[in-house]
Amino acid sequence: MSSYLVFAGPGAAVPDERSKLVADKFSVLAFAFPVIWLLFNRLWFEAVIAFVLYVASTIMMSDAAWFWPGLALGFAISLVTALEGRNWRGAALTRRGWRLVDLVEADDADTAFEIHARRVGADGPTAASKPGPAARQAAMRTGVVRNDTDAIGLVPVERS
């Protein structure tokens, strides 16, 4: 089972059929073809950096003394892109005005969207599933954990 981040478009109602779901898991395609995967996902800055590092890796591998460090650099680029590429995609969507509206665990993206749509319903997010800033601040002042936003992972955050 994977975690899916649900992003709603700028000004879109929740749930929206045009919402984008980003799986938070290892990407095999990003590992095999990091620069192409980054370009396909419109992560231009990251793609340029990966390309420059791949060129450096290729130059290093052309010299026998630097072959193994060059190979390690190329492998590291692929591994970091495969592990963090989807997080970079979520950050890019946020920079473009999309907003994170839900986090869903499901087997595939279609099931994740169905769970998200049922959770928020046609009336939009409920107070329990999407608290406002005032509710979060009140919970932090009182030290009472009222929802998942007052936790780091599975550890509740209690402030005095």
Protein backbone atom coordinates (compact mmCIF):
# COMPACT_ATOMS: atom_id res chain seq x y z
CA MET A 1 0.00 0.00 0.00
CA SER A 2 1.28 3.47 -0.90
CA SER A 3 0.63 6.96 0.33
CA TYR A 4 -0.84 9.39 -2.16
CA LEU A 5 -0.72 13.18 -1.84
CA VAL A 6 -3.86 14.79 -3.28
CA PHE A 7 -3.37 18.26 -4.76
CA ALA A 8 -6.29 20.50 -5.76
CA GLY A 9 -5.81 23.08 -8.47
CA PRO A 10 -5.78 26.81 -7.81
CA GLY A 11 -9.32 27.87 -6.96
CA ALA A 12 -10.75 24.38 -7.52
CA ALA A 13 -13.38 22.89 -5.26
CA VAL A 14 -12.55 19.81 -3.21
CA PRO A 15 -12.99 17.04 -4.36
CA ASP A 16 -12.21 17.88 -7.97
CA GLU A 17 -11.79 15.41 -10.81
CA ARG A 18 -8.78 17.38 -12.05
CA SER A 19 -6.95 16.88 -8.76
CA LYS A 20 -3.47 15.46 -9.11
CA LEU A 21 -2.37 12.49 -7.06
CA VAL A 22 1.33 12.04 -6.37
CA ALA A 23 2.41 8.65 -5.04
CA ASP A 24 4.98 8.80 -2.27
CA LYS A 25 7.07 5.81 -3.30
CA PHE A 26 10.17 4.72 -5.21
CA SER A 27 9.94 5.44 -8.95
CA VAL A 28 11.54 2.83 -11.19
CA LEU A 29 11.35 5.09 -14.26
CA ALA A 30 13.03 7.92 -12.35
CA PHE A 31 15.81 5.51 -11.39
CA ALA A 32 16.32 4.26 -14.96
CA PHE A 33 15.95 7.62 -16.75
CA PRO A 34 16.29 10.43 -14.20
CA VAL A 35 16.76 13.40 -16.54
CA ILE A 36 13.95 12.33 -18.87
CA TRP A 37 11.64 11.64 -15.91
CA LEU A 38 12.38 15.08 -14.44
CA LEU A 39 11.71 16.78 -17.79
CA PHE A 40 8.47 14.81 -18.28
CA ASN A 41 7.28 15.97 -14.85
CA ARG A 42 8.20 19.61 -15.63
CA LEU A 43 10.94 19.79 -13.00
CA TRP A 44 13.22 21.97 -15.12
CA PHE A 45 15.70 23.13 -12.49
CA GLU A 46 16.20 19.63 -11.09
CA ALA A 47 16.60 18.24 -14.62
CA VAL A 48 19.35 20.76 -15.45
CA ILE A 49 21.23 19.90 -12.25
CA ALA A 50 20.88 16.15 -12.91
CA PHE A 51 22.07 16.62 -16.49
CA VAL A 52 25.14 18.62 -15.42
CA LEU A 53 26.00 15.99 -12.81
CA TYR A 54 25.57 13.21 -15.40
CA VAL A 55 27.94 15.01 -17.75
CA ALA A 56 30.45 15.31 -14.89
CA SER A 57 29.94 11.62 -14.13
CA THR A 58 30.59 10.68 -17.77
CA ILE A 59 33.74 12.82 -17.89
CA MET A 60 34.97 11.22 -14.67
CA MET A 61 34.32 7.71 -16.01
CA SER A 62 36.41 8.41 -19.13
CA ASP A 63 39.54 8.48 -16.93
CA ALA A 64 40.54 5.09 -15.49
CA ALA A 65 41.52 6.60 -12.14
CA TRP A 66 38.11 8.26 -11.74
CA PHE A 67 35.94 5.48 -13.21
CA TRP A 68 34.49 4.17 -9.92
CA PRO A 69 33.78 7.59 -8.37
CA GLY A 70 32.13 8.63 -11.66
CA LEU A 71 30.02 5.48 -11.67
CA ALA A 72 29.06 6.07 -8.02
CA LEU A 73 28.03 9.65 -8.86
CA GLY A 74 25.81 8.45 -11.71
CA PHE A 75 24.23 5.81 -9.47
CA ALA A 76 23.68 8.38 -6.71
CA ILE A 77 21.90 10.75 -9.12
CA SER A 78 19.57 7.96 -10.20
CA LEU A 79 18.90 6.82 -6.65
CA VAL A 80 18.19 10.31 -5.26
CA THR A 81 15.89 11.10 -8.19
CA ALA A 82 13.99 7.83 -7.73
CA LEU A 83 13.58 8.36 -3.99
CA GLU A 84 12.93 12.12 -3.87
CA GLY A 85 11.58 12.93 -7.35
CA ARG A 86 7.95 12.60 -6.36
CA ASN A 87 8.50 14.90 -3.37
CA TRP A 88 10.08 17.43 -5.74
CA ARG A 89 7.00 17.10 -7.95
CA GLY A 90 4.71 17.85 -4.99
CA ALA A 91 6.80 20.89 -4.06
CA ALA A 92 6.65 22.11 -7.66
CA LEU A 93 2.86 21.79 -7.69
CA THR A 94 2.68 23.80 -4.47
CA ARG A 95 4.88 26.52 -6.00
CA ARG A 96 2.51 26.64 -9.00
CA GLY A 97 -0.47 27.37 -6.77
CA TRP A 98 -1.83 23.87 -6.21
CA ARG A 99 -2.70 23.08 -2.61
CA LEU A 100 -2.27 19.85 -0.69
CA VAL A 101 -5.74 18.81 0.43
CA ASP A 102 -5.37 15.21 1.57
CA LEU A 103 -3.04 12.31 2.24
CA VAL A 104 -4.50 8.90 1.41
CA GLU A 105 -3.15 5.37 1.72
CA ALA A 106 -4.33 3.05 -1.05
CA ASP A 107 -3.19 0.37 -3.47
CA ASP A 108 -3.53 2.54 -6.60
CA ALA A 109 -4.32 6.11 -7.64
CA ASP A 110 -7.96 5.42 -8.59
CA THR A 111 -8.71 3.89 -5.21
CA ALA A 112 -6.89 6.77 -3.50
CA PHE A 113 -9.07 9.32 -5.28
CA GLU A 114 -12.24 7.42 -4.39
CA ILE A 115 -11.20 7.36 -0.72
CA HIS A 116 -10.39 11.08 -0.88
CA ALA A 117 -13.75 11.90 -2.51
CA ARG A 118 -15.66 9.90 0.12
CA ARG A 119 -13.64 11.45 2.96
CA VAL A 120 -14.25 15.07 2.02
CA GLY A 121 -17.69 14.53 0.47
CA ALA A 122 -19.54 16.91 -1.77
CA ASP A 123 -19.66 19.65 0.90
CA GLY A 124 -15.90 20.02 1.08
CA PRO A 125 -13.56 19.05 3.87
CA THR A 126 -15.01 18.71 7.31
CA ALA A 127 -13.54 20.45 10.33
CA ALA A 128 -12.14 17.15 11.58
CA SER A 129 -10.36 16.29 8.34
CA LYS A 130 -9.11 19.80 7.50
CA PRO A 131 -8.82 22.13 10.49
CA GLY A 132 -8.22 25.80 10.01
CA PRO A 133 -5.20 27.72 11.32
CA ALA A 134 -7.13 28.95 14.38
CA ALA A 135 -7.95 25.37 15.44
CA ARG A 136 -4.33 24.30 15.03
CA GLN A 137 -3.07 27.27 17.06
CA ALA A 138 -5.59 26.60 19.83
CA ALA A 139 -4.51 22.95 19.97
CA MET A 140 -0.86 23.97 20.21
CA ARG A 141 -1.61 26.46 23.03
CA THR A 142 -3.58 23.94 25.07
CA GLY A 143 -1.24 21.05 24.33
CA VAL A 144 -4.15 18.85 23.24
CA VAL A 145 -3.62 16.89 20.04
CA ARG A 146 -6.88 17.03 18.12
CA ASN A 147 -5.95 15.86 14.63
CA ASP A 148 -3.17 14.45 12.45
CA THR A 149 -1.75 17.89 11.68
CA ASP A 150 -0.48 18.14 15.27
CA ALA A 151 1.86 15.19 14.85
CA ILE A 152 5.21 14.48 13.31
CA GLY A 153 4.75 11.10 11.70
CA LEU A 154 3.11 8.98 14.39
CA VAL A 155 4.49 11.05 17.27
CA PRO A 156 2.04 13.62 18.71
CA VAL A 157 3.40 17.14 19.10
CA GLU A 158 2.48 18.66 22.44
CA ARG A 159 3.50 22.20 23.18
CA SER A 160 3.17 23.98 26.49
